[in-house]
Amino acid sequence: HHLATALQFETPLLDQPQPWQWDENVQTAANGETSQAGFILNRLFQDYPGAFSVRLWNGNLLNIGEGDPAFTFCLQQASVLRNMVWFCDPKCLAEAYFSGQIQILGDFHAAMQLREHFESLSLPLHEKLGLIFRALTLATDFAQPEQTSLPQIDPTPDQLDTSSPVALSYDNVPEDFYQCWLDEHMLHSCAYFSGNTRDLAQAQRNQLDLICLKLHLQHGDSLLDIGCGWGGLACWAAKHYGVFVHGITQNASQYAYATKQVKRLGLEHLVKIELGSYQDLPATGSYDKAACIGIADHIGEAHFPDYLAKVHAALKPGGLFLTHGITNEQLAGQQDASSAFINRQLFPQGDLSTFPHFLQQMDAAKFDVFNVESLRRHYVMTLHQWLAGLEANHATVASLVGERTYRIWRLYMTASAIQFEQGVTGIHQVVATRR
């Protein structure tokens, strides 16, 4: 009865989905290949909590679950279905999406539930072998029909570059890429949504002011901006608070962009941007304040003691230090394999620290923490705003960096948003004084 109610069959020639009657004669059906695929998919997703559609490589459409489908999962090749059976691994689905073997039409956020489903899916070996035997009877390469009930939105696999590694690259994408979905200040960090505002640009201005106020910036202060990015904070603090800012970044594109922004705003007398690393900071105690926004989580836990020692040495005694970064809200042994995989792509330098351990490291580095604010809710909203901008500019982004890179960023930002929504990861803004 589950097969009869949870799985329906439709061809592009029919106006309405027709229920597929599963019985002993299923192999004699007019479309045996679709019947086989339907049997496999129904078994794989028999415990899936939602509803979605699957469009096969031959154009036929299957409905999984009860209710209105939240999205359509398009299989471009039968080999993807065989891999789904054999590996039962969300990482394989991710790679198939990156390479164009899978398309997702509709609610992409809802489609990410497939990741959790495959993490919990466990098939007995004899059943897996039976499904593999069925999958082996499917076509290896089926031509797309001339007309289907769904539009072709994404390129076909042979138009995609599959040579790139499955990881986010922050350094090898042009500034035009970021301009497609960041705000006017090019802030690639958590915004601050106050009141009923949902405007990303206003929320980022809120965050800039919040940082400056928490640092008690006064006219004439010297501010060290570690990992200054595109120069948004440096220019804001100089223009609105009259402080001298020394910004450093390791990214050549960010350095060039930030330098142009300083000149455009006429802030050369207040802002100095340099291409360099925190490891090059002078141990002179010459700065009144220091800020590190969204960089600490990329340094890696193993390098934290050295990093904090450099910041401590650069600050004057009693100087203020503000940092906000992403933390792991679960113990290492409790983190599921897929979340660990995603975090490794986002933060390749090492595992994320837990927040209690981060506070311990701050104390060991002789910083006295006196203000902590969780920004998790704000980062969820920030990620959704970024995703909306990325998806709205799909064609432009793909022309700049390629379809594969677009898909990698789309999937990882969506997965990251879900991790924050579920409390798997968090983000904290911390203010401390140098002892």
Protein backbone atom coordinates (compact mmCIF):
# COMPACT_ATOMS: atom_id res chain seq x y z
CA HIS A 1 0.00 0.00 0.00
CA HIS A 2 2.94 2.32 0.62
CA LEU A 3 4.18 1.89 -2.94
CA ALA A 4 0.73 2.65 -4.31
CA THR A 5 0.23 5.82 -2.31
CA ALA A 6 3.73 7.26 -2.08
CA LEU A 7 4.86 6.87 -5.69
CA GLN A 8 2.98 8.08 -8.75
CA PHE A 9 3.95 7.96 -12.40
CA GLU A 10 3.49 10.57 -15.13
CA THR A 11 4.68 11.01 -18.70
CA PRO A 12 5.05 14.40 -20.41
CA LEU A 13 2.09 13.47 -22.67
CA LEU A 14 -0.40 13.43 -19.79
CA ASP A 15 -2.01 16.54 -18.35
CA GLN A 16 -2.50 15.06 -14.88
CA PRO A 17 -0.41 12.53 -12.92
CA GLN A 18 -1.85 9.03 -13.10
CA PRO A 19 -1.39 6.58 -10.21
CA TRP A 20 0.89 3.69 -11.05
CA GLN A 21 -0.50 0.33 -9.97
CA TRP A 22 2.31 -1.79 -8.55
CA ASP A 23 1.69 -5.56 -8.78
CA GLU A 24 3.39 -8.75 -9.86
CA ASN A 25 3.18 -7.74 -13.51
CA VAL A 26 5.10 -4.51 -13.06
CA GLN A 27 7.86 -5.70 -15.40
CA THR A 28 5.37 -5.90 -18.25
CA ALA A 29 4.45 -2.22 -17.95
CA ALA A 30 4.68 0.01 -21.04
CA ASN A 31 7.68 1.77 -19.61
CA GLY A 32 9.67 -0.88 -17.82
CA GLU A 33 12.68 1.32 -17.28
CA THR A 34 10.63 3.95 -15.47
CA SER A 35 9.01 1.19 -13.42
CA GLN A 36 12.40 -0.07 -12.33
CA ALA A 37 13.60 3.42 -11.47
CA GLY A 38 10.37 4.06 -9.58
CA PHE A 39 10.78 0.90 -7.51
CA ILE A 40 14.35 1.87 -6.59
CA LEU A 41 13.48 5.47 -5.74
CA ASN A 42 10.47 4.46 -3.67
CA ARG A 43 12.64 2.15 -1.57
CA LEU A 44 15.36 4.74 -1.12
CA PHE A 45 12.87 7.40 0.00
CA GLN A 46 10.16 5.36 1.68
CA ASP A 47 10.85 7.09 5.01
CA TYR A 48 11.42 10.57 3.58
CA PRO A 49 9.28 13.03 5.60
CA GLY A 50 8.37 15.40 2.75
CA ALA A 51 7.25 15.27 -0.86
CA PHE A 52 9.17 15.97 -4.07
CA SER A 53 9.24 14.96 -7.71
CA VAL A 54 11.93 13.11 -9.62
CA ARG A 55 12.38 13.71 -13.34
CA LEU A 56 14.23 10.84 -14.97
CA TRP A 57 16.73 11.00 -17.83
CA ASN A 58 13.97 9.85 -20.21
CA GLY A 59 11.70 12.77 -19.27
CA ASN A 60 9.23 10.81 -17.12
CA LEU A 61 8.18 12.26 -13.80
CA LEU A 62 7.75 10.41 -10.50
CA ASN A 63 6.24 11.82 -7.32
CA ILE A 64 7.74 10.78 -3.99
CA GLY A 65 5.72 11.12 -0.80
CA GLU A 66 2.33 12.68 -0.22
CA GLY A 67 1.36 16.30 -0.76
CA ASP A 68 2.57 18.98 -3.12
CA PRO A 69 6.19 18.44 -4.23
CA ALA A 70 8.53 21.05 -2.71
CA PHE A 71 11.10 20.63 -5.48
CA THR A 72 11.97 18.55 -8.52
CA PHE A 73 15.06 16.37 -8.44
CA CYS A 74 16.22 15.90 -12.04
CA LEU A 75 18.44 12.90 -12.82
CA GLN A 76 20.32 13.54 -16.05
CA GLN A 77 21.85 10.03 -16.15
CA ALA A 78 20.89 6.58 -14.89
CA SER A 79 24.38 6.17 -13.42
CA VAL A 80 23.51 8.73 -10.75
CA LEU A 81 20.68 6.51 -9.52
CA ARG A 82 23.03 3.52 -9.38
CA ASN A 83 25.49 5.56 -7.30
CA MET A 84 22.68 6.66 -4.98
CA VAL A 85 21.95 3.00 -4.25
CA TRP A 86 25.52 1.82 -3.92
CA PHE A 87 27.01 4.65 -1.88
CA CYS A 88 24.02 6.15 0.00
CA ASP A 89 26.30 9.14 0.58
CA PRO A 90 25.23 12.82 0.41
CA LYS A 91 28.74 13.75 -0.77
CA CYS A 92 28.14 11.75 -3.96
CA LEU A 93 24.91 13.67 -4.52
CA ALA A 94 26.78 16.93 -4.00
CA GLU A 95 29.41 16.03 -6.59
CA ALA A 96 26.71 14.94 -9.05
CA TYR A 97 25.03 18.33 -8.58
CA PHE A 98 28.32 20.21 -9.07
CA SER A 99 29.06 18.31 -12.29
CA GLY A 100 25.58 18.84 -13.75
CA GLN A 101 24.36 15.24 -13.48
CA ILE A 102 21.62 16.49 -11.14
CA GLN A 103 19.40 19.54 -11.42
CA ILE A 104 17.29 20.98 -8.60
CA LEU A 105 14.20 22.93 -9.63
CA GLY A 106 12.06 24.68 -7.04
CA ASP A 107 12.88 25.03 -3.32
CA PHE A 108 16.63 24.41 -3.08
CA HIS A 109 16.58 24.82 0.70
CA ALA A 110 13.98 22.04 1.01
CA ALA A 111 16.07 19.83 -1.29
CA MET A 112 18.88 19.92 1.27
CA GLN A 113 16.76 17.57 3.41
CA LEU A 114 18.04 14.86 1.09
CA ARG A 115 21.39 15.19 2.82
CA GLU A 116 19.92 14.28 6.22
CA HIS A 117 17.90 11.46 4.71
CA PHE A 118 20.93 9.82 3.12
CA GLU A 119 22.95 10.19 6.31
CA SER A 120 20.36 8.10 8.17
CA LEU A 121 19.66 5.64 5.34
CA SER A 122 20.93 2.13 6.00
CA LEU A 123 20.08 -0.68 3.60
CA PRO A 124 20.74 -4.35 4.42
CA LEU A 125 23.36 -5.77 2.09
CA HIS A 126 21.00 -8.23 0.40
CA GLU A 127 18.49 -5.46 -0.27
CA LYS A 128 21.18 -3.11 -1.55
CA LEU A 129 22.42 -5.82 -3.93
CA GLY A 130 18.87 -6.37 -5.16
CA LEU A 131 18.44 -2.67 -5.90
CA ILE A 132 21.84 -2.55 -7.59
CA PHE A 133 20.77 -5.46 -9.83
CA ARG A 134 17.66 -3.51 -10.81
CA ALA A 135 19.71 -0.34 -11.37
CA LEU A 136 22.11 -2.19 -13.66
CA THR A 137 19.25 -2.85 -16.09
CA LEU A 138 18.72 0.88 -16.61
CA ALA A 139 20.07 2.74 -19.64
CA THR A 140 23.52 4.24 -19.28
CA ASP A 141 22.85 7.25 -21.50
CA PHE A 142 19.37 8.34 -22.49
CA ALA A 143 18.74 11.22 -24.86
CA GLN A 144 16.61 14.02 -23.48
CA PRO A 145 13.14 14.19 -25.06
CA GLU A 146 12.33 17.14 -27.25
CA GLN A 147 9.51 18.24 -24.95
CA THR A 148 9.27 17.70 -21.23
CA SER A 149 6.93 18.96 -18.54
CA LEU A 150 9.77 20.90 -16.87
CA PRO A 151 12.07 23.60 -18.31
CA GLN A 152 15.77 23.03 -18.87
CA ILE A 153 17.39 25.65 -16.66
CA ASP A 154 20.90 24.42 -15.96
CA PRO A 155 23.48 23.44 -18.61
CA THR A 156 23.87 19.82 -19.57
CA PRO A 157 26.84 17.91 -18.10
CA ASP A 158 29.08 18.22 -21.15
CA GLN A 159 28.92 22.02 -20.77
CA LEU A 160 30.31 21.91 -17.25
CA ASP A 161 33.87 22.06 -15.97
CA THR A 162 34.37 19.02 -13.74
CA SER A 163 38.08 19.52 -13.19
CA SER A 164 37.76 21.96 -10.27
CA PRO A 165 38.10 20.61 -6.72
CA VAL A 166 34.98 20.37 -4.56
CA ALA A 167 35.81 23.27 -2.26
CA LEU A 168 35.11 26.95 -1.94
CA SER A 169 37.84 29.16 -3.33
CA TYR A 170 37.89 32.63 -1.80
CA ASP A 171 40.97 33.83 -3.64
CA ASN A 172 40.42 32.66 -7.21
CA VAL A 173 37.19 34.47 -7.98
CA PRO A 174 36.97 38.06 -9.30
CA GLU A 175 35.52 40.97 -7.34
CA ASP A 176 32.65 41.11 -9.85
CA PHE A 177 31.50 37.76 -8.49
CA TYR A 178 31.14 39.15 -4.96
CA GLN A 179 29.48 42.31 -6.23
CA CYS A 180 26.63 40.15 -7.55
CA TRP A 181 25.45 39.26 -4.02
CA LEU A 182 27.28 41.31 -1.35
CA ASP A 183 26.20 44.77 -0.18
CA GLU A 184 27.61 48.10 -1.35
CA HIS A 185 30.46 47.93 1.18
CA MET A 186 31.43 44.43 -0.01
CA LEU A 187 31.21 42.98 3.51
CA HIS A 188 31.64 39.21 3.40
CA SER A 189 30.72 38.83 7.07
CA CYS A 190 27.66 38.63 9.31
CA ALA A 191 25.23 41.57 9.13
CA TYR A 192 23.11 42.83 12.04
CA PHE A 193 19.34 42.91 11.47
CA SER A 194 17.61 45.18 13.98
CA GLY A 195 13.89 45.74 14.26
CA ASN A 196 11.90 44.66 11.23
CA THR A 197 14.58 45.48 8.67
CA ARG A 198 15.32 42.83 6.07
CA ASP A 199 17.53 45.03 3.92
CA LEU A 200 21.04 43.62 3.68
CA ALA A 201 22.72 46.97 3.02
CA GLN A 202 21.12 48.54 6.12
CA ALA A 203 21.93 45.49 8.23
CA GLN A 204 25.60 45.70 7.23
CA ARG A 205 25.67 49.40 8.12
CA ASN A 206 24.18 48.43 11.48
CA GLN A 207 27.01 45.95 11.98
CA LEU A 208 29.68 48.48 11.08
CA ASP A 209 28.31 50.94 13.63
CA LEU A 210 27.94 48.21 16.24
CA ILE A 211 31.59 47.22 15.86
CA CYS A 212 32.75 50.82 16.15
CA LEU A 213 30.59 51.44 19.22
CA LYS A 214 31.69 48.24 20.96
CA LEU A 215 35.30 49.28 20.39
CA HIS A 216 34.51 52.73 21.84
CA LEU A 217 36.23 54.32 18.87
CA GLN A 218 37.21 57.94 19.52
CA HIS A 219 38.54 60.59 17.17
CA GLY A 220 42.29 60.04 16.79
CA ASP A 221 42.32 56.37 17.90
CA SER A 222 44.51 53.93 16.00
CA LEU A 223 42.66 50.83 14.77
CA LEU A 224 44.23 47.63 13.46
CA ASP A 225 41.88 45.86 11.01
CA ILE A 226 43.15 42.28 10.63
CA GLY A 227 41.95 40.69 7.41
CA CYS A 228 40.34 43.93 6.29
CA GLY A 229 38.77 42.34 3.23
CA TRP A 230 37.44 44.84 0.73
CA GLY A 231 38.03 47.72 3.14
CA GLY A 232 34.45 48.28 4.30
CA LEU A 233 35.16 48.56 8.04
CA ALA A 234 38.39 50.52 7.58
CA CYS A 235 36.71 53.19 5.44
CA TRP A 236 33.61 53.34 7.66
CA ALA A 237 35.58 53.77 10.89
CA ALA A 238 37.79 56.46 9.37
CA LYS A 239 34.96 58.37 7.72
CA HIS A 240 32.41 58.28 10.56
CA TYR A 241 34.61 58.03 13.67
CA GLY A 242 37.78 59.86 12.66
CA VAL A 243 40.21 57.07 13.53
CA PHE A 244 43.51 56.09 11.94
CA VAL A 245 43.15 52.61 10.42
CA HIS A 246 45.81 50.12 9.41
CA GLY A 247 44.21 47.34 7.40
CA ILE A 248 45.96 44.16 6.31
CA THR A 249 44.79 41.47 3.89
CA GLN A 250 46.44 38.50 2.21
CA ASN A 251 44.17 38.70 -0.82
CA ALA A 252 45.62 40.69 -3.73
CA SER A 253 42.19 41.45 -5.24
CA GLN A 254 40.89 42.72 -1.91
CA TYR A 255 44.00 44.84 -1.45
CA ALA A 256 43.57 46.45 -4.87
CA TYR A 257 39.85 47.09 -4.33
CA ALA A 258 40.29 48.47 -0.79
CA THR A 259 43.09 50.78 -1.91
CA LYS A 260 40.87 52.19 -4.66
CA GLN A 261 38.03 52.71 -2.17
CA VAL A 262 40.31 54.64 0.19
CA LYS A 263 41.34 56.96 -2.65
CA ARG A 264 37.79 57.33 -3.95
CA LEU A 265 36.58 58.46 -0.52
CA GLY A 266 39.57 60.73 0.04
CA LEU A 267 40.69 58.88 3.17
CA GLU A 268 44.39 58.44 2.35
CA HIS A 269 45.35 60.54 5.38
CA LEU A 270 43.45 58.17 7.72
CA VAL A 271 43.56 54.71 6.15
CA LYS A 272 46.55 52.59 5.16
CA ILE A 273 45.94 49.22 3.51
CA GLU A 274 48.77 46.70 3.23
CA LEU A 275 49.12 43.31 1.62
CA GLY A 276 50.30 40.99 4.37
CA SER A 277 49.52 38.50 7.13
CA TYR A 278 48.86 38.78 10.85
CA GLN A 279 52.23 37.05 11.23
CA ASP A 280 53.86 40.28 9.99
CA LEU A 281 52.33 42.45 12.72
CA PRO A 282 54.80 44.62 14.65
CA ALA A 283 55.33 43.67 18.30
CA THR A 284 55.35 47.29 19.38
CA GLY A 285 52.08 47.77 21.27
CA SER A 286 51.19 50.64 18.96
CA TYR A 287 47.42 50.26 18.41
CA ASP A 288 44.59 51.45 20.64
CA LYS A 289 42.04 49.03 19.19
CA ALA A 290 42.00 45.93 16.98
CA ALA A 291 39.27 44.15 15.01
CA CYS A 292 39.22 40.77 13.31
CA ILE A 293 35.94 40.12 11.50
CA GLY A 294 35.25 36.67 10.10
CA ILE A 295 38.90 35.72 9.74
CA ALA A 296 39.67 33.78 12.92
CA ASP A 297 37.66 30.73 11.81
CA HIS A 298 39.87 30.43 8.71
CA ILE A 299 43.13 30.53 10.67
CA GLY A 300 42.67 27.09 12.16
CA GLU A 301 42.64 26.09 15.81
CA ALA A 302 46.26 24.92 15.76
CA HIS A 303 47.43 28.45 14.83
CA PHE A 304 45.26 30.27 17.34
CA PRO A 305 47.84 30.70 20.12
CA ASP A 306 50.32 32.31 17.71
CA TYR A 307 47.62 34.49 16.17
CA LEU A 308 46.35 35.78 19.53
CA ALA A 309 49.92 36.39 20.73
CA LYS A 310 50.54 38.58 17.67
CA VAL A 311 47.39 40.61 18.33
CA HIS A 312 48.27 40.96 22.02
CA ALA A 313 51.75 42.23 21.19
CA ALA A 314 50.41 44.75 18.64
CA LEU A 315 47.91 46.32 21.08
CA LYS A 316 48.70 48.87 23.75
CA PRO A 317 48.12 47.68 27.36
CA GLY A 318 44.39 47.96 28.02
CA GLY A 319 43.64 48.13 24.30
CA LEU A 320 40.33 46.72 23.05
CA PHE A 321 40.07 43.74 20.74
CA LEU A 322 36.85 42.76 18.91
CA THR A 323 36.55 39.54 17.00
CA HIS A 324 33.66 37.58 15.63
CA GLY A 325 34.00 34.15 14.17
CA ILE A 326 32.21 30.87 13.58
CA THR A 327 32.36 28.08 16.16
CA ASN A 328 31.36 24.46 16.29
CA GLU A 329 28.42 24.03 18.67
CA GLN A 330 28.84 20.25 18.86
CA LEU A 331 31.64 18.11 20.18
CA ALA A 332 33.84 16.59 17.49
CA GLY A 333 32.50 13.10 18.12
CA GLN A 334 28.89 14.28 17.84
CA GLN A 335 29.23 15.99 14.48
CA ASP A 336 27.74 14.01 11.58
CA ALA A 337 29.96 13.12 8.65
CA SER A 338 28.22 15.47 6.24
CA SER A 339 28.53 18.50 8.54
CA ALA A 340 32.20 17.70 9.09
CA PHE A 341 32.68 17.45 5.30
CA ILE A 342 31.00 20.84 4.71
CA ASN A 343 33.05 22.52 7.43
CA ARG A 344 36.26 21.18 5.94
CA GLN A 345 35.39 22.85 2.64
CA LEU A 346 34.45 26.15 4.28
CA PHE A 347 37.36 26.18 6.74
CA PRO A 348 40.18 24.16 5.15
CA GLN A 349 42.84 25.28 7.66
CA GLY A 350 41.41 23.13 10.42
CA ASP A 351 38.43 22.12 12.50
CA LEU A 352 36.27 24.82 14.03
CA SER A 353 36.84 25.46 17.71
CA THR A 354 34.02 25.21 20.22
CA PHE A 355 33.12 28.49 21.87
CA PRO A 356 34.19 27.42 25.40
CA HIS A 357 37.58 26.43 23.99
CA PHE A 358 37.84 29.73 22.16
CA LEU A 359 37.28 31.59 25.45
CA GLN A 360 39.95 29.45 27.11
CA GLN A 361 42.41 30.39 24.37
CA MET A 362 41.56 34.08 24.77
CA ASP A 363 42.27 33.84 28.49
CA ALA A 364 45.53 31.96 27.92
CA ALA A 365 46.59 34.73 25.51
CA LYS A 366 46.03 37.31 28.27
CA PHE A 367 42.80 38.82 26.98
CA ASP A 368 39.99 39.62 29.41
CA VAL A 369 36.63 39.03 27.71
CA PHE A 370 33.91 41.42 28.89
CA ASN A 371 31.27 41.38 26.14
CA VAL A 372 29.84 38.43 24.18
CA GLU A 373 26.94 38.43 21.73
CA SER A 374 25.63 35.52 19.70
CA LEU A 375 24.99 36.46 16.08
CA ARG A 376 23.61 33.10 14.95
CA ARG A 377 20.13 34.45 14.09
CA HIS A 378 21.70 37.34 12.19
CA TYR A 379 23.98 35.05 10.22
CA VAL A 380 21.07 32.86 9.11
CA MET A 381 19.39 35.98 7.73
CA THR A 382 22.64 37.17 6.16
CA LEU A 383 23.16 33.85 4.38
CA HIS A 384 19.61 33.85 3.04
CA GLN A 385 20.10 37.38 1.70
CA TRP A 386 23.37 36.35 0.04
CA LEU A 387 21.73 33.28 -1.48
CA ALA A 388 18.86 35.36 -2.85
CA GLY A 389 21.36 37.67 -4.54
CA LEU A 390 23.44 34.77 -5.86
CA GLU A 391 20.42 32.98 -7.33
CA ALA A 392 18.94 36.19 -8.77
CA ASN A 393 22.23 36.74 -10.64
CA HIS A 394 22.73 33.11 -11.69
CA ALA A 395 23.43 33.87 -15.34
CA THR A 396 25.92 36.65 -14.55
CA VAL A 397 27.71 34.59 -11.89
CA ALA A 398 27.99 31.57 -14.18
CA SER A 399 29.44 33.76 -16.95
CA LEU A 400 32.06 35.09 -14.50
CA VAL A 401 33.16 31.93 -12.69
CA GLY A 402 31.44 29.02 -14.45
CA GLU A 403 28.38 26.94 -13.63
CA ARG A 404 30.28 24.52 -11.38
CA THR A 405 31.60 27.30 -9.13
CA TYR A 406 28.12 28.82 -8.95
CA ARG A 407 26.71 25.48 -7.83
CA ILE A 408 29.44 24.93 -5.24
CA TRP A 409 28.81 28.31 -3.62
CA ARG A 410 25.04 27.84 -3.77
CA LEU A 411 25.12 24.44 -2.12
CA TYR A 412 27.64 25.30 0.58
CA MET A 413 25.92 28.56 1.55
CA THR A 414 22.58 26.75 1.75
CA ALA A 415 24.10 23.94 3.82
CA SER A 416 25.79 26.51 6.06
CA ALA A 417 22.48 28.33 6.61
CA ILE A 418 20.85 25.04 7.64
CA GLN A 419 23.68 24.28 10.07
CA PHE A 420 23.17 27.65 11.74
CA GLU A 421 19.39 27.17 11.80
CA GLN A 422 19.83 23.82 13.52
CA GLY A 423 22.45 25.09 15.96
CA VAL A 424 25.21 22.85 14.61
CA THR A 425 27.42 25.92 14.19
CA GLY A 426 27.31 29.30 15.88
CA ILE A 427 28.91 32.71 15.58
CA HIS A 428 29.89 34.97 18.47
CA GLN A 429 31.06 38.56 18.61
CA VAL A 430 33.55 38.97 21.45
CA VAL A 431 35.11 42.11 22.93
CA ALA A 432 38.12 41.85 25.22
CA THR A 433 40.87 43.98 26.74
CA ARG A 434 44.58 43.31 26.53
CA ARG A 435 46.02 42.62 29.98
